[in-house]
Protein backbone atom coordinates (compact mmCIF):
# COMPACT_ATOMS: atom_id res chain seq x y z
CA MET A 1 87.91 23.35 9.90
CA THR A 2 85.61 25.03 12.33
CA ALA A 3 83.42 22.84 14.49
CA ASN A 4 79.74 22.95 14.24
CA LYS A 5 78.29 24.84 17.44
CA SER A 6 74.84 22.69 17.31
CA VAL A 7 76.40 19.39 17.43
CA ASN A 8 73.50 16.59 17.60
CA ILE A 9 75.68 13.54 17.02
CA ALA A 10 79.29 12.47 15.99
CA LYS A 11 80.12 9.68 13.92
CA LYS A 12 83.62 8.21 12.88
CA VAL A 13 84.00 6.87 9.32
CA SER A 14 87.41 5.10 8.36
CA PHE A 15 88.75 4.39 5.05
CA PRO A 16 91.24 1.51 4.65
CA GLU A 17 93.29 2.62 1.75
CA HIS A 18 95.39 5.62 2.47
CA ASP A 19 96.09 7.00 -1.14
CA ILE A 20 92.57 6.64 -2.05
CA MET A 21 91.69 8.56 1.29
CA MET A 22 93.85 11.24 0.36
CA ALA A 23 92.03 11.77 -2.92
CA LEU A 24 88.77 11.53 -1.13
CA CYS A 25 90.07 14.45 0.99
CA GLY A 26 91.38 16.59 -1.76
CA GLU A 27 94.16 18.70 -1.86
CA HIS A 28 94.55 20.74 1.16
CA ASN A 29 91.22 18.87 2.10
CA THR A 30 89.44 21.08 -0.28
CA HIS A 31 86.77 18.25 -0.98
CA LEU A 32 86.40 18.11 2.67
CA LYS A 33 85.68 22.05 2.87
CA ILE A 34 83.12 22.02 0.20
CA MET A 35 81.31 19.18 2.06
CA GLU A 36 81.23 21.37 5.07
CA LYS A 37 79.95 24.29 3.68
CA GLU A 38 77.41 22.79 1.47
CA ILE A 39 76.09 20.08 4.08
CA GLY A 40 76.73 22.01 7.06
CA VAL A 41 78.49 19.08 8.65
CA SER A 42 81.80 19.42 10.68
CA ILE A 43 84.52 17.19 9.45
CA HIS A 44 88.17 16.15 11.29
CA LEU A 45 90.49 14.27 9.84
CA ARG A 46 92.63 11.76 12.08
CA GLY A 47 94.76 9.45 9.93
CA ASN A 48 92.28 7.36 7.82
CA VAL A 49 89.42 8.30 9.99
CA LEU A 50 86.89 10.91 9.39
CA LEU A 51 84.97 12.23 12.48
CA LEU A 52 81.64 13.61 11.22
CA GLU A 53 79.80 15.92 13.68
CA GLY A 54 76.35 17.85 13.11
CA ALA A 55 72.57 17.05 12.85
CA ARG A 56 71.65 13.46 12.38
CA TRP A 57 70.64 14.21 8.72
CA GLU A 58 73.85 16.10 7.79
CA VAL A 59 76.15 13.49 9.23
CA GLU A 60 74.12 10.54 7.37
CA LEU A 61 74.32 12.55 4.18
CA ALA A 62 77.99 13.32 4.39
CA GLU A 63 79.01 9.68 5.39
CA ILE A 64 76.75 8.54 2.09
CA VAL A 65 78.61 11.38 -0.06
CA LEU A 66 82.19 10.24 1.41
CA LYS A 67 81.58 6.59 0.88
CA GLN A 68 80.21 6.72 -2.80
CA ILE A 69 83.04 9.27 -3.83
CA TYR A 70 85.40 6.81 -2.28
CA GLY A 71 84.17 4.12 -4.25
CA LEU A 72 84.33 6.10 -7.52
CA ILE A 73 87.83 6.73 -6.80
CA ARG A 74 88.66 3.20 -6.27
CA LEU A 75 87.47 2.49 -9.59
CA ASN A 76 90.12 5.14 -11.00
CA TYR A 77 87.11 7.58 -11.81
CA PRO A 78 88.92 11.01 -11.76
CA VAL A 79 87.10 13.05 -8.91
CA TYR A 80 87.36 17.23 -9.15
CA GLU A 81 85.70 19.85 -6.84
CA ARG A 82 82.94 20.24 -8.96
CA ASP A 83 82.05 16.65 -8.57
CA ILE A 84 81.78 16.74 -5.13
CA ASP A 85 79.07 19.68 -5.35
CA TYR A 86 77.10 17.25 -7.95
CA ALA A 87 77.45 14.28 -5.45
CA ILE A 88 76.11 16.41 -2.70
CA ARG A 89 73.14 17.93 -4.94
CA ILE A 90 72.29 14.40 -6.14
CA LEU A 91 72.27 12.65 -2.88
CA SER A 92 70.43 15.40 -1.14
CA ASN A 93 67.49 14.61 -3.45
CA ASN A 94 67.73 10.57 -3.20
CA GLN A 95 70.35 8.93 -1.08
CA SER A 96 69.34 5.77 -2.67
CA ILE A 97 71.12 6.87 -5.97
CA ASP A 98 74.31 4.97 -6.77
CA LEU A 99 76.71 7.73 -8.16
CA LYS A 100 78.62 5.27 -10.27
CA ASP A 101 75.62 4.63 -12.42
CA ILE A 102 75.65 8.35 -13.24
CA PHE A 103 79.11 9.40 -13.06
CA ARG A 104 80.42 6.39 -15.03
CA ASP A 105 78.07 6.39 -18.04
CA LYS A 106 80.91 7.65 -20.32
CA VAL A 107 79.13 9.31 -23.15
CA LEU A 108 82.42 10.58 -24.85
CA ILE A 109 86.18 11.24 -24.35
CA SER A 110 86.77 14.78 -25.80
CA SER A 111 89.79 15.77 -27.89
CA GLY A 112 91.43 16.82 -24.67
CA LYS A 113 91.06 13.33 -23.08
CA ARG A 114 88.20 14.60 -20.70
CA ILE A 115 85.48 12.28 -19.87
CA ILE A 116 82.17 13.70 -20.83
CA ALA A 117 79.36 12.02 -18.63
CA PRO A 118 76.01 12.75 -16.79
CA LYS A 119 76.46 14.79 -13.68
CA THR A 120 73.02 14.84 -12.38
CA ALA A 121 70.08 12.22 -12.09
CA ASN A 122 68.12 14.17 -14.66
CA GLN A 123 70.91 14.31 -17.17
CA LYS A 124 71.16 10.44 -16.84
CA VAL A 125 67.69 10.18 -17.50
CA TYR A 126 68.45 12.54 -20.69
CA ILE A 127 71.45 10.46 -21.93
CA ASP A 128 69.22 7.05 -21.68
CA SER A 129 66.21 8.49 -23.11
CA ILE A 130 68.17 9.72 -26.24
CA ARG A 131 69.64 6.17 -26.43
CA GLN A 132 66.14 4.71 -26.38
CA HIS A 133 64.02 7.29 -28.46
CA ASP A 134 64.26 8.77 -31.98
CA ILE A 135 63.00 11.97 -30.89
CA VAL A 136 63.72 13.57 -27.40
CA PHE A 137 63.04 17.09 -26.07
CA GLY A 138 65.32 18.61 -23.41
CA ILE A 139 63.39 21.50 -21.73
CA GLY A 140 65.00 23.47 -18.77
CA PRO A 141 67.12 26.48 -17.57
CA ALA A 142 70.53 27.68 -19.03
CA GLY A 143 73.52 25.38 -17.78
CA THR A 144 71.69 22.13 -17.39
CA GLY A 145 73.87 20.28 -20.18
CA LYS A 146 71.03 19.92 -22.62
CA THR A 147 72.91 20.90 -25.81
CA TYR A 148 76.18 19.86 -24.58
CA LEU A 149 75.24 16.35 -23.69
CA ALA A 150 73.12 15.99 -27.01
CA MET A 151 76.16 16.94 -29.03
CA ALA A 152 78.39 14.56 -27.15
CA MET A 153 75.71 11.86 -28.01
CA ALA A 154 75.58 12.86 -31.62
CA ILE A 155 79.60 12.88 -32.06
CA SER A 156 79.78 9.44 -30.27
CA ALA A 157 77.12 8.07 -32.60
CA PHE A 158 78.78 9.42 -35.60
CA MET A 159 82.09 7.76 -34.30
CA ASN A 160 80.29 4.52 -33.73
CA LYS A 161 78.81 4.64 -37.30
CA ASP A 162 75.41 4.69 -35.91
CA VAL A 163 74.77 7.57 -38.10
CA SER A 164 76.50 8.99 -41.28
CA ARG A 165 76.37 12.70 -40.40
CA VAL A 166 75.45 15.14 -37.46
CA VAL A 167 73.27 18.16 -38.29
CA LEU A 168 73.41 21.08 -35.98
CA THR A 169 70.92 24.12 -36.08
CA ARG A 170 69.37 27.12 -34.47
CA PRO A 171 66.90 29.62 -35.14
CA ALA A 172 68.33 33.06 -35.69
CA VAL A 173 65.32 35.12 -34.52
CA GLU A 174 66.42 38.50 -35.44
CA ALA A 175 67.54 37.26 -38.89
CA GLY A 176 64.42 35.90 -39.43
CA GLU A 177 63.41 33.72 -42.60
CA HIS A 178 62.62 36.62 -45.00
CA LEU A 179 66.30 37.58 -45.62
CA GLY A 180 66.63 35.41 -48.38
CA PHE A 181 68.78 32.37 -49.04
CA LEU A 182 71.93 33.48 -50.47
CA PRO A 183 74.51 31.62 -48.58
CA GLY A 184 77.02 34.36 -48.04
CA ASP A 185 74.59 36.82 -46.95
CA LEU A 186 72.51 34.86 -44.63
CA CYS A 187 75.51 33.20 -43.02
CA GLU A 188 77.17 36.55 -42.19
CA LYS A 189 74.21 37.41 -40.32
CA VAL A 190 73.20 33.96 -38.31
CA ASN A 191 76.81 32.96 -37.96
CA PRO A 192 76.95 34.67 -34.31
CA TYR A 193 74.03 32.52 -33.38
CA LEU A 194 75.60 29.49 -34.55
CA ARG A 195 78.90 30.39 -32.54
CA PRO A 196 77.94 28.33 -29.53
CA LEU A 197 77.50 25.06 -31.57
CA TYR A 198 80.80 25.67 -33.12
CA ASP A 199 82.50 26.12 -29.70
CA ALA A 200 81.22 23.08 -28.37
CA LEU A 201 82.00 20.94 -31.33
CA TYR A 202 85.70 22.26 -31.28
CA ASP A 203 85.90 21.26 -27.73
CA MET A 204 84.72 17.71 -28.25
CA MET A 205 86.59 16.93 -31.50
CA GLY A 206 89.54 19.38 -31.52
CA PHE A 207 89.36 22.34 -34.05
CA ASP A 208 91.41 20.80 -37.10
CA ARG A 209 89.28 17.38 -37.07
CA ALA A 210 86.05 19.25 -36.61
CA LEU A 211 86.90 21.59 -39.20
CA ASN A 212 87.48 18.82 -41.72
CA LEU A 213 84.38 17.06 -41.15
CA ILE A 214 82.37 20.39 -41.48
CA GLU A 215 84.49 20.92 -44.88
CA GLN A 216 83.28 17.42 -45.74
CA ARG A 217 79.79 18.26 -44.80
CA VAL A 218 79.78 15.14 -42.49
CA ILE A 219 78.95 17.54 -39.82
CA GLU A 220 76.70 20.52 -40.83
CA VAL A 221 76.09 23.46 -38.59
CA ALA A 222 73.53 25.79 -40.02
CA PRO A 223 70.51 28.07 -39.23
CA LEU A 224 67.04 26.45 -38.89
CA ALA A 225 66.16 28.31 -42.36
CA PHE A 226 68.35 25.97 -44.41
CA MET A 227 66.36 22.85 -43.15
CA ARG A 228 63.23 23.83 -45.30
CA GLY A 229 62.56 21.14 -47.97
CA ARG A 230 65.11 18.44 -46.86
CA THR A 231 64.82 15.10 -45.69
CA LEU A 232 67.58 14.16 -43.37
CA ASN A 233 68.38 10.39 -43.55
CA ASN A 234 70.71 8.38 -41.24
CA SER A 235 71.37 11.69 -39.28
CA PHE A 236 71.77 12.87 -35.64
CA VAL A 237 70.00 16.23 -35.73
CA ILE A 238 70.14 18.52 -32.91
CA LEU A 239 67.80 21.83 -32.85
CA ASP A 240 68.96 23.87 -30.18
CA GLU A 241 67.48 27.17 -28.64
CA ALA A 242 63.99 25.87 -29.73
CA GLN A 243 62.22 28.13 -27.49
CA ASN A 244 62.77 30.62 -30.44
CA THR A 245 61.10 28.50 -33.04
CA THR A 246 57.47 29.28 -34.26
CA HIS A 247 55.00 26.67 -34.48
CA GLU A 248 55.30 26.54 -38.17
CA GLN A 249 59.29 26.27 -37.89
CA MET A 250 58.99 23.52 -35.31
CA LYS A 251 56.54 21.43 -37.43
CA MET A 252 58.84 22.14 -40.34
CA PHE A 253 61.89 20.78 -38.55
CA LEU A 254 60.14 17.59 -37.10
CA THR A 255 58.96 16.50 -40.16
CA ARG A 256 62.62 16.71 -41.89
CA LEU A 257 63.54 13.32 -39.93
CA GLY A 258 64.24 10.76 -42.52
CA PHE A 259 64.95 7.00 -42.13
CA ASP A 260 67.42 5.75 -39.47
CA SER A 261 67.65 9.27 -37.97
CA ARG A 262 67.30 10.55 -34.65
CA ALA A 263 66.60 14.12 -33.36
CA VAL A 264 67.11 16.11 -30.11
CA ILE A 265 65.25 19.33 -29.46
CA THR A 266 66.58 21.58 -26.77
CA GLY A 267 65.27 24.99 -25.28
CA ASP A 268 64.49 26.95 -22.21
CA ILE A 269 60.63 27.96 -22.46
CA THR A 270 61.42 30.72 -19.87
CA GLN A 271 63.78 32.68 -22.14
CA THR A 272 61.58 33.16 -25.44
CA ASP A 273 63.23 35.83 -27.87
CA LEU A 274 60.18 35.66 -30.07
CA PRO A 275 58.18 38.75 -30.91
CA ARG A 276 55.48 39.69 -28.13
CA GLY A 277 52.20 37.48 -28.73
CA THR A 278 54.10 34.99 -30.65
CA GLU A 279 53.53 31.30 -29.14
CA SER A 280 56.64 29.39 -28.94
CA GLY A 281 56.85 26.02 -31.18
CA LEU A 282 58.65 24.36 -28.30
CA LEU A 283 55.85 25.09 -25.87
CA LYS A 284 53.21 24.13 -28.32
CA ALA A 285 55.23 20.86 -29.41
CA LYS A 286 55.02 19.90 -25.63
CA LYS A 287 51.25 20.41 -25.57
CA ILE A 288 50.86 18.52 -29.05
CA LEU A 289 53.32 15.74 -28.77
CA GLY A 290 53.46 14.95 -25.06
CA ASN A 291 51.35 11.52 -25.50
CA ILE A 292 53.01 10.17 -28.59
CA GLU A 293 54.93 6.79 -28.35
CA GLY A 294 58.17 7.19 -29.54
CA ILE A 295 58.97 10.94 -28.39
CA ARG A 296 60.37 11.66 -25.00
CA PHE A 297 60.31 14.90 -23.10
CA VAL A 298 62.95 15.31 -20.37
CA PHE A 299 62.66 18.40 -18.05
CA PHE A 300 65.49 19.98 -16.36
CA SER A 301 65.44 22.31 -13.04
CA ARG A 302 68.00 24.49 -11.08
CA ASP A 303 69.17 21.28 -9.68
CA ASP A 304 70.69 20.28 -12.87
CA VAL A 305 72.75 23.20 -13.46
CA VAL A 306 76.34 22.17 -13.81
CA ARG A 307 77.80 25.85 -14.32
CA HIS A 308 79.21 28.08 -11.93
CA SER A 309 77.54 27.82 -8.55
CA LEU A 310 76.13 31.09 -8.75
CA VAL A 311 74.15 30.32 -11.93
CA GLN A 312 71.80 28.54 -9.56
CA LYS A 313 71.16 31.31 -7.49
CA ILE A 314 70.68 33.67 -10.50
CA ILE A 315 67.99 31.33 -11.68
CA ASP A 316 66.32 31.00 -8.32
CA ALA A 317 66.45 35.06 -8.06
CA TYR A 318 64.77 35.50 -11.48
CA GLU A 319 62.12 33.31 -10.70
CA LYS A 320 61.00 34.58 -7.51
CA ALA A 321 61.19 38.18 -9.27
CA GLU A 322 58.99 36.97 -12.11
CA ASN A 323 56.47 34.86 -9.72
CA LYS A 324 55.98 38.43 -7.62
CA SER A 325 55.56 40.46 -10.79
């Protein structure tokens, strides 16, 4: 590992349990290398002691990240490379946050035995908001986990018998509402728009189980047009890609909610595919419903992106270009 040439301070941090220390460092010290690159600190391993060198802020941040990750591993939390990135991002913004409160807030264990849990402070707020409010709006850029976490919460609610069914819906902008309601014709046209919801569902539940529940209509994946005229009782309802709803569609959807039901509405108001001059129903709902008790809006930013690290940079680049134009 290359030493930082502009060293301000050096600090030794020791970790008593060797096996946990090795997991903290990662295979071939991968976790330490990520920290060096992302924080800008130099890290040298000597037995169970890490020597941190760099600017004071860098060293203090690296020490906090290391100690918190060590604590997670001691609690048998499986730490992966991406978790190091998330930890750095979270603690860079607020060093008083306890990562255990975020990473160990288990929402669901997927069919592949993978734990689905929040990975950023905003995702934790989002999860808590869904638990506490009947209607939650999750607004922010792609890759922030808005839909995936909402679906995990929906599946968890169904498995815990808090609701009797799950309804997942999306607007199909190009298909529109005027194609008629013959299921075969419309389904063929809108199915590509629903595919991301199916993919997430299969990932969480396994293909066979998810398909069985869909066939029983316990889990329903349908275009937004199919929601008209219905009342959804004892249901967990998710409206995805809500930026592509019109004002009328959004009002129609929100008024479908029946007794003992909850709804999560997700979208990115910067990626609207509506015809030019049509105001997004999501944007208008934000203006109209922002002060209603029982409805919560959670806003995500680039710091909440949990996809490939380049996604953050892509979002930044587009935002800069759009601000210049």
